[in-house]
Amino acid sequence: MLSPMTRYKACLVFKAIAGAYGFDFQPAEVSVSIAGTEGCKRTVYLDAARGLRQRYQIVPRRIGLFSRSRFLGLQAPVPPAPAGGDGQYPKTRGDGWLEIELGEFFNDGSIDGELEMSVMEVDGGHWKGGLIVQGIEIRPCL
């Protein structure tokens, strides 16, 4: 039961174990909507370390046509960050879990229905493992 005439946001709360794989550099499409309505869709990254790398702009040094580290097989190339990087990477909460915003929606009180949320990555085709989902928090926007 949600309060009418209130804007809410939904956040995925999760952790990645030490051996997590398949999330680095892979964008995920997330959405939130009230069933039967047009929802909020956006692209996020579930790799918290990538957000830190982009924030500090660590750029690999290039030598000739190849990056030395890539040529030697030490590091994967870093694709450019998409425009509007704010909120696209997980933030660490006080309890140690990570949180990423899935989107916002407005409950005008006229629709009595279900809330639909999704997190999908289907373009990369890479196996994924090591993600522990605590749940989804729905809270009013401030």
Protein backbone atom coordinates (compact mmCIF):
# COMPACT_ATOMS: atom_id res chain seq x y z
CA MET A 1 0.00 0.00 0.00
CA LEU A 2 1.53 3.28 -1.16
CA SER A 3 0.41 6.77 -0.24
CA PRO A 4 -1.53 8.55 -3.00
CA MET A 5 -0.19 11.72 -4.64
CA THR A 6 3.40 10.76 -3.81
CA ARG A 7 6.51 10.33 -5.98
CA TYR A 8 8.53 7.22 -5.13
CA LYS A 9 11.85 5.75 -6.17
CA ALA A 10 12.84 2.10 -6.25
CA CYS A 11 16.40 0.99 -5.44
CA LEU A 12 18.03 -2.41 -5.85
CA VAL A 13 20.08 -3.36 -2.77
CA PHE A 14 22.84 -5.90 -3.45
CA LYS A 15 26.42 -7.08 -2.83
CA ALA A 16 28.97 -8.74 -5.06
CA ILE A 17 31.12 -11.55 -3.67
CA ALA A 18 34.90 -11.47 -4.21
CA GLY A 19 34.72 -13.74 -7.27
CA ALA A 20 31.79 -11.98 -8.97
CA TYR A 21 32.02 -11.97 -12.76
CA GLY A 22 30.18 -10.69 -15.83
CA PHE A 23 29.20 -7.27 -14.46
CA ASP A 24 32.24 -5.15 -15.31
CA PHE A 25 31.66 -2.88 -18.31
CA GLN A 26 28.24 -4.43 -19.02
CA PRO A 27 25.32 -1.96 -18.94
CA ALA A 28 22.04 -3.21 -17.49
CA GLU A 29 18.62 -1.90 -18.47
CA VAL A 30 16.45 -1.18 -15.42
CA SER A 31 12.82 -0.12 -15.28
CA VAL A 32 10.04 0.67 -12.83
CA SER A 33 6.36 1.05 -13.70
CA ILE A 34 2.86 0.54 -12.39
CA ALA A 35 1.42 -2.41 -14.33
CA GLY A 36 -0.23 -1.25 -17.52
CA THR A 37 1.47 2.17 -17.62
CA GLU A 38 4.57 3.55 -19.32
CA GLY A 39 7.45 3.24 -16.90
CA CYS A 40 10.82 4.79 -16.22
CA LYS A 41 13.68 3.06 -18.10
CA ARG A 42 17.38 3.77 -17.79
CA THR A 43 20.84 2.25 -18.16
CA VAL A 44 23.01 1.51 -15.12
CA TYR A 45 26.21 -0.38 -14.28
CA LEU A 46 26.27 -2.90 -11.43
CA ASP A 47 30.08 -2.73 -11.25
CA ALA A 48 30.84 -0.35 -8.36
CA ALA A 49 34.59 -0.33 -9.10
CA ARG A 50 33.96 1.06 -12.60
CA GLY A 51 32.14 4.01 -11.11
CA LEU A 52 35.20 4.81 -9.00
CA ARG A 53 37.52 4.48 -12.03
CA GLN A 54 35.32 6.85 -14.06
CA ARG A 55 35.09 9.31 -11.19
CA TYR A 56 38.88 9.57 -10.94
CA GLN A 57 39.44 9.28 -14.72
CA ILE A 58 42.17 6.63 -14.67
CA VAL A 59 43.20 6.35 -18.30
CA PRO A 60 45.52 3.58 -19.53
CA ARG A 61 48.67 4.81 -21.24
CA ARG A 62 48.81 3.98 -24.94
CA ILE A 63 51.91 2.85 -26.80
CA GLY A 64 51.63 2.81 -30.58
CA LEU A 65 48.46 1.16 -31.78
CA PHE A 66 48.00 -0.92 -28.64
CA SER A 67 47.81 -0.30 -24.94
CA ARG A 68 50.77 -2.10 -23.35
CA SER A 69 48.60 -3.59 -20.59
CA ARG A 70 45.99 -4.80 -23.08
CA PHE A 71 48.66 -6.18 -25.39
CA LEU A 72 50.18 -8.12 -22.50
CA GLY A 73 46.72 -9.33 -21.42
CA LEU A 74 46.78 -7.55 -18.05
CA GLN A 75 43.68 -5.40 -18.33
CA ALA A 76 40.50 -5.18 -20.36
CA PRO A 77 39.90 -1.94 -22.28
CA VAL A 78 37.75 0.64 -20.53
CA PRO A 79 34.83 1.71 -22.73
CA PRO A 80 33.75 5.34 -22.51
CA ALA A 81 31.24 6.24 -19.84
CA PRO A 82 27.80 7.14 -21.16
CA ALA A 83 26.63 10.74 -20.89
CA GLY A 84 24.92 11.77 -17.65
CA GLY A 85 26.93 9.54 -15.33
CA ASP A 86 25.09 10.69 -12.22
CA GLY A 87 23.30 7.79 -10.56
CA GLN A 88 24.43 5.17 -13.07
CA TYR A 89 26.77 3.43 -10.64
CA PRO A 90 26.06 1.78 -7.27
CA LYS A 91 26.59 3.72 -4.08
CA THR A 92 27.77 2.11 -0.86
CA ARG A 93 25.26 2.35 1.99
CA GLY A 94 26.08 2.67 5.68
CA ASP A 95 25.30 -1.03 6.23
CA GLY A 96 27.89 -2.13 3.64
CA TRP A 97 25.42 -3.09 0.91
CA LEU A 98 25.40 -1.41 -2.51
CA GLU A 99 22.39 0.43 -3.88
CA ILE A 100 21.44 1.52 -7.39
CA GLU A 101 18.33 3.48 -8.30
CA LEU A 102 16.01 1.61 -10.67
CA GLY A 103 13.77 4.59 -11.35
CA GLU A 104 10.97 6.81 -10.11
CA PHE A 105 7.21 6.65 -10.40
CA PHE A 106 4.23 8.72 -9.25
CA ASN A 107 1.31 7.18 -7.40
CA ASP A 108 -1.68 9.41 -8.11
CA GLY A 109 -4.01 7.08 -6.22
CA SER A 110 -6.34 6.44 -9.17
CA ILE A 111 -4.78 3.10 -10.20
CA ASP A 112 -4.96 0.08 -7.92
CA GLY A 113 -2.44 -2.33 -9.35
CA GLU A 114 0.95 -3.97 -9.17
CA LEU A 115 4.37 -2.39 -9.36
CA GLU A 116 6.69 -3.93 -11.96
CA MET A 117 10.49 -3.67 -11.79
CA SER A 118 13.21 -5.25 -13.89
CA VAL A 119 17.01 -5.47 -14.16
CA MET A 120 18.22 -7.01 -17.42
CA GLU A 121 21.45 -7.31 -19.36
CA VAL A 122 20.88 -9.08 -22.64
CA ASP A 123 23.21 -7.41 -25.13
CA GLY A 124 26.57 -8.65 -23.83
CA GLY A 125 25.78 -12.34 -23.76
CA HIS A 126 28.23 -13.00 -20.90
CA TRP A 127 27.59 -15.38 -18.01
CA LYS A 128 27.11 -13.68 -14.66
CA GLY A 129 27.70 -14.87 -11.12
CA GLY A 130 28.36 -13.68 -7.59
CA LEU A 131 25.58 -11.12 -7.15
CA ILE A 132 23.67 -11.32 -3.85
CA VAL A 133 20.37 -9.42 -3.89
CA GLN A 134 19.05 -8.29 -0.52
CA GLY A 135 15.90 -6.79 -2.01
CA ILE A 136 14.30 -3.71 -3.52
CA GLU A 137 13.51 -0.66 -1.42
CA ILE A 138 10.64 1.60 -2.36
CA ARG A 139 10.72 4.97 -0.65
CA PRO A 140 9.30 8.46 -1.18
CA CYS A 141 11.48 10.92 -3.10
CA LEU A 142 12.64 13.85 -1.01
